[in-house]
Amino acid sequence: MVSPHCERILRNFEDLINRKEICWDFREIRAVVMCKAWELMEKEHIPFREAIRRAWDWAKIECAEAGAYI
């Protein structure tokens, strides 16, 4: 189960208006990636290393859609 903190972070990232700002913020994007990785580990029962890799891949695509290429 993802924590309420991570639920809030991921929900905020879904908002396209906030996403570009989050993508360019060093701490914020890493928080998003860690929460997404945790979500992937919980839902798909994958190892941490795989979850982090997939979370970064997902974040890069989401950020690119907002015009923030990371």
PDB file of N, CA and C in Angstrom:
ATOM      1  N   MET A   1       0.839  -1.183   0.000  1.00  0.00           N
ATOM      2  CA  MET A   1       0.000   0.000   0.000  1.00  0.00           C
ATOM      3  C   MET A   1       0.888   1.252   0.000  1.00  0.00           C
ATOM      4  N   VAL A   2       0.629   2.148  -0.898  1.00  0.00           N
ATOM      5  CA  VAL A   2       1.389   3.386  -1.000  1.00  0.00           C
ATOM      6  C   VAL A   2       0.912   4.333   0.103  1.00  0.00           C
ATOM      7  N   SER A   3       1.851   5.027   0.694  1.00  0.00           N
ATOM      8  CA  SER A   3       1.527   5.943   1.798  1.00  0.00           C
ATOM      9  C   SER A   3       0.669   7.108   1.305  1.00  0.00           C
ATOM     10  N   PRO A   4      -0.063   7.726   2.210  1.00  0.00           N
ATOM     11  CA  PRO A   4      -0.833   8.921   1.829  1.00  0.00           C
ATOM     12  C   PRO A   4       0.071  10.031   1.262  1.00  0.00           C
ATOM     13  N   HIS A   5       1.282  10.131   1.793  1.00  0.00           N
ATOM     14  CA  HIS A   5       2.245  11.109   1.296  1.00  0.00           C
ATOM     15  C   HIS A   5       2.548  10.862  -0.185  1.00  0.00           C
ATOM     16  N   CYS A   6       2.821   9.612  -0.536  1.00  0.00           N
ATOM     17  CA  CYS A   6       3.121   9.277  -1.934  1.00  0.00           C
ATOM     18  C   CYS A   6       1.882   9.420  -2.815  1.00  0.00           C
ATOM     19  N   GLU A   7       0.732   9.080  -2.298  1.00  0.00           N
ATOM     20  CA  GLU A   7      -0.495   9.267  -3.070  1.00  0.00           C
ATOM     21  C   GLU A   7      -0.658  10.729  -3.445  1.00  0.00           C
ATOM     22  N   ARG A   8      -0.392  11.621  -2.496  1.00  0.00           N
ATOM     23  CA  ARG A   8      -0.503  13.055  -2.739  1.00  0.00           C
ATOM     24  C   ARG A   8       0.525  13.508  -3.770  1.00  0.00           C
ATOM     25  N   ILE A   9       1.747  13.038  -3.648  1.00  0.00           N
ATOM     26  CA  ILE A   9       2.813  13.414  -4.588  1.00  0.00           C
ATOM     27  C   ILE A   9       2.462  12.962  -6.003  1.00  0.00           C
ATOM     28  N   LEU A  10       2.018  11.727  -6.155  1.00  0.00           N
ATOM     29  CA  LEU A  10       1.685  11.206  -7.486  1.00  0.00           C
ATOM     30  C   LEU A  10       0.448  11.893  -8.061  1.00  0.00           C
ATOM     31  N   ARG A  11      -0.535  12.185  -7.212  1.00  0.00           N
ATOM     32  CA  ARG A  11      -1.745  12.878  -7.675  1.00  0.00           C
ATOM     33  C   ARG A  11      -1.392  14.295  -8.149  1.00  0.00           C
ATOM     34  N   ASN A  12      -0.521  14.971  -7.418  1.00  0.00           N
ATOM     35  CA  ASN A  12      -0.092  16.316  -7.811  1.00  0.00           C
ATOM     36  C   ASN A  12       0.674  16.275  -9.138  1.00  0.00           C
ATOM     37  N   PHE A  13       1.453  15.227  -9.363  1.00  0.00           N
ATOM     38  CA  PHE A  13       2.226  15.081 -10.592  1.00  0.00           C
ATOM     39  C   PHE A  13       1.323  14.839 -11.801  1.00  0.00           C
ATOM     40  N   GLU A  14       0.146  14.275 -11.576  1.00  0.00           N
ATOM     41  CA  GLU A  14      -0.794  14.021 -12.668  1.00  0.00           C
ATOM     42  C   GLU A  14      -1.302  15.317 -13.297  1.00  0.00           C
ATOM     43  N   ASP A  15      -1.309  16.393 -12.520  1.00  0.00           N
ATOM     44  CA  ASP A  15      -1.784  17.682 -13.006  1.00  0.00           C
ATOM     45  C   ASP A  15      -0.737  18.269 -13.959  1.00  0.00           C
ATOM     46  N   LEU A  16      -1.072  18.359 -15.222  1.00  0.00           N
ATOM     47  CA  LEU A  16      -0.120  18.814 -16.246  1.00  0.00           C
ATOM     48  C   LEU A  16       0.435  20.201 -15.949  1.00  0.00           C
ATOM     49  N   ILE A  17      -0.356  21.054 -15.323  1.00  0.00           N
ATOM     50  CA  ILE A  17       0.093  22.405 -15.009  1.00  0.00           C
ATOM     51  C   ILE A  17       1.257  22.372 -14.024  1.00  0.00           C
ATOM     52  N   ASN A  18       1.202  21.485 -13.041  1.00  0.00           N
ATOM     53  CA  ASN A  18       2.257  21.372 -12.029  1.00  0.00           C
ATOM     54  C   ASN A  18       3.444  20.542 -12.511  1.00  0.00           C
ATOM     55  N   ARG A  19       3.207  19.674 -13.465  1.00  0.00           N
ATOM     56  CA  ARG A  19       4.218  18.685 -13.844  1.00  0.00           C
ATOM     57  C   ARG A  19       5.532  19.296 -14.321  1.00  0.00           C
ATOM     58  N   LYS A  20       5.467  20.295 -15.181  1.00  0.00           N
ATOM     59  CA  LYS A  20       6.691  20.886 -15.719  1.00  0.00           C
ATOM     60  C   LYS A  20       7.546  21.454 -14.592  1.00  0.00           C
ATOM     61  N   GLU A  21       6.913  22.148 -13.660  1.00  0.00           N
ATOM     62  CA  GLU A  21       7.620  22.720 -12.518  1.00  0.00           C
ATOM     63  C   GLU A  21       8.252  21.617 -11.660  1.00  0.00           C
ATOM     64  N   ILE A  22       7.517  20.550 -11.446  1.00  0.00           N
ATOM     65  CA  ILE A  22       8.013  19.429 -10.642  1.00  0.00           C
ATOM     66  C   ILE A  22       9.192  18.760 -11.339  1.00  0.00           C
ATOM     67  N   CYS A  23       9.098  18.579 -12.642  1.00  0.00           N
ATOM     68  CA  CYS A  23      10.161  17.905 -13.393  1.00  0.00           C
ATOM     69  C   CYS A  23      11.503  18.612 -13.272  1.00  0.00           C
ATOM     70  N   TRP A  24      11.475  19.913 -13.187  1.00  0.00           N
ATOM     71  CA  TRP A  24      12.719  20.671 -13.133  1.00  0.00           C
ATOM     72  C   TRP A  24      13.216  20.900 -11.715  1.00  0.00           C
ATOM     73  N   ASP A  25      12.493  20.416 -10.736  1.00  0.00           N
ATOM     74  CA  ASP A  25      12.907  20.586  -9.350  1.00  0.00           C
ATOM     75  C   ASP A  25      13.619  19.316  -8.878  1.00  0.00           C
ATOM     76  N   PHE A  26      14.879  19.446  -8.504  1.00  0.00           N
ATOM     77  CA  PHE A  26      15.728  18.318  -8.123  1.00  0.00           C
ATOM     78  C   PHE A  26      15.065  17.404  -7.087  1.00  0.00           C
ATOM     79  N   ARG A  27      14.562  17.980  -6.022  1.00  0.00           N
ATOM     80  CA  ARG A  27      13.969  17.181  -4.953  1.00  0.00           C
ATOM     81  C   ARG A  27      12.599  16.636  -5.323  1.00  0.00           C
ATOM     82  N   GLU A  28      11.806  17.442  -5.994  1.00  0.00           N
ATOM     83  CA  GLU A  28      10.435  17.047  -6.313  1.00  0.00           C
ATOM     84  C   GLU A  28      10.386  15.848  -7.268  1.00  0.00           C
ATOM     85  N   ILE A  29      11.190  15.882  -8.331  1.00  0.00           N
ATOM     86  CA  ILE A  29      11.122  14.783  -9.301  1.00  0.00           C
ATOM     87  C   ILE A  29      11.634  13.492  -8.690  1.00  0.00           C
ATOM     88  N   ARG A  30      12.605  13.590  -7.806  1.00  0.00           N
ATOM     89  CA  ARG A  30      13.095  12.382  -7.143  1.00  0.00           C
ATOM     90  C   ARG A  30      12.061  11.813  -6.188  1.00  0.00           C
ATOM     91  N   ALA A  31      11.291  12.673  -5.562  1.00  0.00           N
ATOM     92  CA  ALA A  31      10.200  12.210  -4.699  1.00  0.00           C
ATOM     93  C   ALA A  31       9.145  11.482  -5.531  1.00  0.00           C
ATOM     94  N   VAL A  32       8.846  12.029  -6.698  1.00  0.00           N
ATOM     95  CA  VAL A  32       7.876  11.389  -7.594  1.00  0.00           C
ATOM     96  C   VAL A  32       8.383  10.014  -8.017  1.00  0.00           C
ATOM     97  N   VAL A  33       9.638   9.944  -8.401  1.00  0.00           N
ATOM     98  CA  VAL A  33      10.219   8.677  -8.857  1.00  0.00           C
ATOM     99  C   VAL A  33      10.215   7.637  -7.734  1.00  0.00           C
ATOM    100  N   MET A  34      10.585   8.042  -6.542  1.00  0.00           N
ATOM    101  CA  MET A  34      10.601   7.096  -5.417  1.00  0.00           C
ATOM    102  C   MET A  34       9.194   6.603  -5.095  1.00  0.00           C
ATOM    103  N   CYS A  35       8.223   7.496  -5.135  1.00  0.00           N
ATOM    104  CA  CYS A  35       6.839   7.085  -4.863  1.00  0.00           C
ATOM    105  C   CYS A  35       6.315   6.167  -5.965  1.00  0.00           C
ATOM    106  N   LYS A  36       6.645   6.479  -7.200  1.00  0.00           N
ATOM    107  CA  LYS A  36       6.222   5.615  -8.313  1.00  0.00           C
ATOM    108  C   LYS A  36       6.882   4.247  -8.203  1.00  0.00           C
ATOM    109  N   ALA A  37       8.151   4.225  -7.831  1.00  0.00           N
ATOM    110  CA  ALA A  37       8.852   2.949  -7.660  1.00  0.00           C
ATOM    111  C   ALA A  37       8.191   2.125  -6.561  1.00  0.00           C
ATOM    112  N   TRP A  38       7.855   2.770  -5.468  1.00  0.00           N
ATOM    113  CA  TRP A  38       7.185   2.069  -4.368  1.00  0.00           C
ATOM    114  C   TRP A  38       5.853   1.495  -4.845  1.00  0.00           C
ATOM    115  N   GLU A  39       5.109   2.291  -5.608  1.00  0.00           N
ATOM    116  CA  GLU A  39       3.831   1.840  -6.150  1.00  0.00           C
ATOM    117  C   GLU A  39       4.035   0.613  -7.048  1.00  0.00           C
ATOM    118  N   LEU A  40       5.047   0.657  -7.900  1.00  0.00           N
ATOM    119  CA  LEU A  40       5.332  -0.474  -8.785  1.00  0.00           C
ATOM    120  C   LEU A  40       5.722  -1.723  -7.998  1.00  0.00           C
ATOM    121  N   MET A  41       6.535  -1.556  -6.962  1.00  0.00           N
ATOM    122  CA  MET A  41       6.939  -2.712  -6.147  1.00  0.00           C
ATOM    123  C   MET A  41       5.728  -3.328  -5.460  1.00  0.00           C
ATOM    124  N   GLU A  42       4.829  -2.492  -4.985  1.00  0.00           N
ATOM    125  CA  GLU A  42       3.637  -2.984  -4.301  1.00  0.00           C
ATOM    126  C   GLU A  42       2.679  -3.691  -5.260  1.00  0.00           C
ATOM    127  N   LYS A  43       2.441  -3.096  -6.405  1.00  0.00           N
ATOM    128  CA  LYS A  43       1.452  -3.633  -7.343  1.00  0.00           C
ATOM    129  C   LYS A  43       1.973  -4.806  -8.164  1.00  0.00           C
ATOM    130  N   GLU A  44       3.250  -4.720  -8.572  1.00  0.00           N
ATOM    131  CA  GLU A  44       3.777  -5.717  -9.501  1.00  0.00           C
ATOM    132  C   GLU A  44       4.781  -6.668  -8.865  1.00  0.00           C
ATOM    133  N   HIS A  45       5.112  -6.428  -7.607  1.00  0.00           N
ATOM    134  CA  HIS A  45       6.049  -7.289  -6.868  1.00  0.00           C
ATOM    135  C   HIS A  45       7.365  -7.474  -7.616  1.00  0.00           C
ATOM    136  N   ILE A  46       7.926  -6.340  -8.035  1.00  0.00           N
ATOM    137  CA  ILE A  46       9.202  -6.369  -8.747  1.00  0.00           C
ATOM    138  C   ILE A  46      10.306  -5.878  -7.810  1.00  0.00           C
ATOM    139  N   PRO A  47      11.557  -6.227  -8.100  1.00  0.00           N
ATOM    140  CA  PRO A  47      12.677  -5.782  -7.263  1.00  0.00           C
ATOM    141  C   PRO A  47      12.855  -4.261  -7.316  1.00  0.00           C
ATOM    142  N   PHE A  48      13.469  -3.725  -6.284  1.00  0.00           N
ATOM    143  CA  PHE A  48      13.697  -2.285  -6.159  1.00  0.00           C
ATOM    144  C   PHE A  48      14.420  -1.719  -7.375  1.00  0.00           C
ATOM    145  N   ARG A  49      15.487  -2.347  -7.788  1.00  0.00           N
ATOM    146  CA  ARG A  49      16.278  -1.851  -8.922  1.00  0.00           C
ATOM    147  C   ARG A  49      15.419  -1.715 -10.184  1.00  0.00           C
ATOM    148  N   GLU A  50      14.608  -2.713 -10.460  1.00  0.00           N
ATOM    149  CA  GLU A  50      13.715  -2.675 -11.624  1.00  0.00           C
ATOM    150  C   GLU A  50      12.665  -1.578 -11.461  1.00  0.00           C
ATOM    151  N   ALA A  51      12.132  -1.447 -10.270  1.00  0.00           N
ATOM    152  CA  ALA A  51      11.110  -0.433 -10.010  1.00  0.00           C
ATOM    153  C   ALA A  51      11.669   0.971 -10.219  1.00  0.00           C
ATOM    154  N   ILE A  52      12.870   1.222  -9.743  1.00  0.00           N
ATOM    155  CA  ILE A  52      13.497   2.539  -9.920  1.00  0.00           C
ATOM    156  C   ILE A  52      13.734   2.818 -11.398  1.00  0.00           C
ATOM    157  N   ARG A  53      14.237   1.849 -12.119  1.00  0.00           N
ATOM    158  CA  ARG A  53      14.495   2.039 -13.553  1.00  0.00           C
ATOM    159  C   ARG A  53      13.201   2.369 -14.295  1.00  0.00           C
ATOM    160  N   ARG A  54      12.166   1.595 -14.003  1.00  0.00           N
ATOM    161  CA  ARG A  54      10.885   1.822 -14.675  1.00  0.00           C
ATOM    162  C   ARG A  54      10.245   3.137 -14.255  1.00  0.00           C
ATOM    163  N   ALA A  55      10.419   3.510 -12.997  1.00  0.00           N
ATOM    164  CA  ALA A  55       9.867   4.780 -12.522  1.00  0.00           C
ATOM    165  C   ALA A  55      10.550   5.960 -13.214  1.00  0.00           C
ATOM    166  N   TRP A  56      11.880   5.886 -13.398  1.00  0.00           N
ATOM    167  CA  TRP A  56      12.586   6.951 -14.117  1.00  0.00           C
ATOM    168  C   TRP A  56      12.145   7.000 -15.569  1.00  0.00           C
ATOM    169  N   ASP A  57      11.997   5.845 -16.206  1.00  0.00           N
ATOM    170  CA  ASP A  57      11.534   5.817 -17.599  1.00  0.00           C
ATOM    171  C   ASP A  57      10.159   6.470 -17.719  1.00  0.00           C
ATOM    172  N   TRP A  58       9.266   6.126 -16.797  1.00  0.00           N
ATOM    173  CA  TRP A  58       7.918   6.700 -16.769  1.00  0.00           C
ATOM    174  C   TRP A  58       7.980   8.219 -16.560  1.00  0.00           C
ATOM    175  N   ALA A  59       8.795   8.658 -15.602  1.00  0.00           N
ATOM    176  CA  ALA A  59       8.895  10.088 -15.292  1.00  0.00           C
ATOM    177  C   ALA A  59       9.422  10.874 -16.485  1.00  0.00           C
ATOM    178  N   LYS A  60      10.398  10.328 -17.189  1.00  0.00           N
ATOM    179  CA  LYS A  60      10.950  11.016 -18.352  1.00  0.00           C
ATOM    180  C   LYS A  60       9.886  11.211 -19.428  1.00  0.00           C
ATOM    181  N   ILE A  61       9.071  10.214 -19.647  1.00  0.00           N
ATOM    182  CA  ILE A  61       7.990  10.314 -20.635  1.00  0.00           C
ATOM    183  C   ILE A  61       6.959  11.344 -20.182  1.00  0.00           C
ATOM    184  N   GLU A  62       6.564  11.277 -18.922  1.00  0.00           N
ATOM    185  CA  GLU A  62       5.573  12.215 -18.387  1.00  0.00           C
ATOM    186  C   GLU A  62       6.095  13.646 -18.430  1.00  0.00           C
ATOM    187  N   CYS A  63       7.346  13.839 -18.092  1.00  0.00           N
ATOM    188  CA  CYS A  63       7.931  15.184 -18.124  1.00  0.00           C
ATOM    189  C   CYS A  63       8.029  15.704 -19.549  1.00  0.00           C
ATOM    190  N   ALA A  64       8.394  14.836 -20.484  1.00  0.00           N
ATOM    191  CA  ALA A  64       8.484  15.254 -21.892  1.00  0.00           C
ATOM    192  C   ALA A  64       7.133  15.724 -22.409  1.00  0.00           C
ATOM    193  N   GLU A  65       6.058  15.065 -21.971  1.00  0.00           N
ATOM    194  CA  GLU A  65       4.718  15.487 -22.378  1.00  0.00           C
ATOM    195  C   GLU A  65       4.400  16.895 -21.886  1.00  0.00           C
ATOM    196  N   ALA A  66       5.025  17.290 -20.774  1.00  0.00           N
ATOM    197  CA  ALA A  66       4.811  18.619 -20.212  1.00  0.00           C
ATOM    198  C   ALA A  66       5.817  19.628 -20.767  1.00  0.00           C
ATOM    199  N   GLY A  67       6.733  19.178 -21.638  1.00  0.00           N
ATOM    200  CA  GLY A  67       7.734  20.072 -22.213  1.00  0.00           C
ATOM    201  C   GLY A  67       8.988  20.214 -21.370  1.00  0.00           C
ATOM    202  N   ALA A  68       9.166  19.324 -20.411  1.00  0.00           N
ATOM    203  CA  ALA A  68      10.351  19.358 -19.549  1.00  0.00           C
ATOM    204  C   ALA A  68      11.155  18.093 -19.828  1.00  0.00           C
ATOM    205  N   TYR A  69      12.221  18.212 -20.567  1.00  0.00           N
ATOM    206  CA  TYR A  69      13.010  17.052 -20.956  1.00  0.00           C
ATOM    207  C   TYR A  69      14.112  16.842 -19.918  1.00  0.00           C
ATOM    208  N   ILE A  70      14.004  15.714 -19.207  1.00  0.00           N
ATOM    209  CA  ILE A  70      14.985  15.421 -18.155  1.00  0.00           C
ATOM    210  C   ILE A  70      15.803  14.214 -18.539  1.00  0.00           C
TER     211      ILE A  70
END
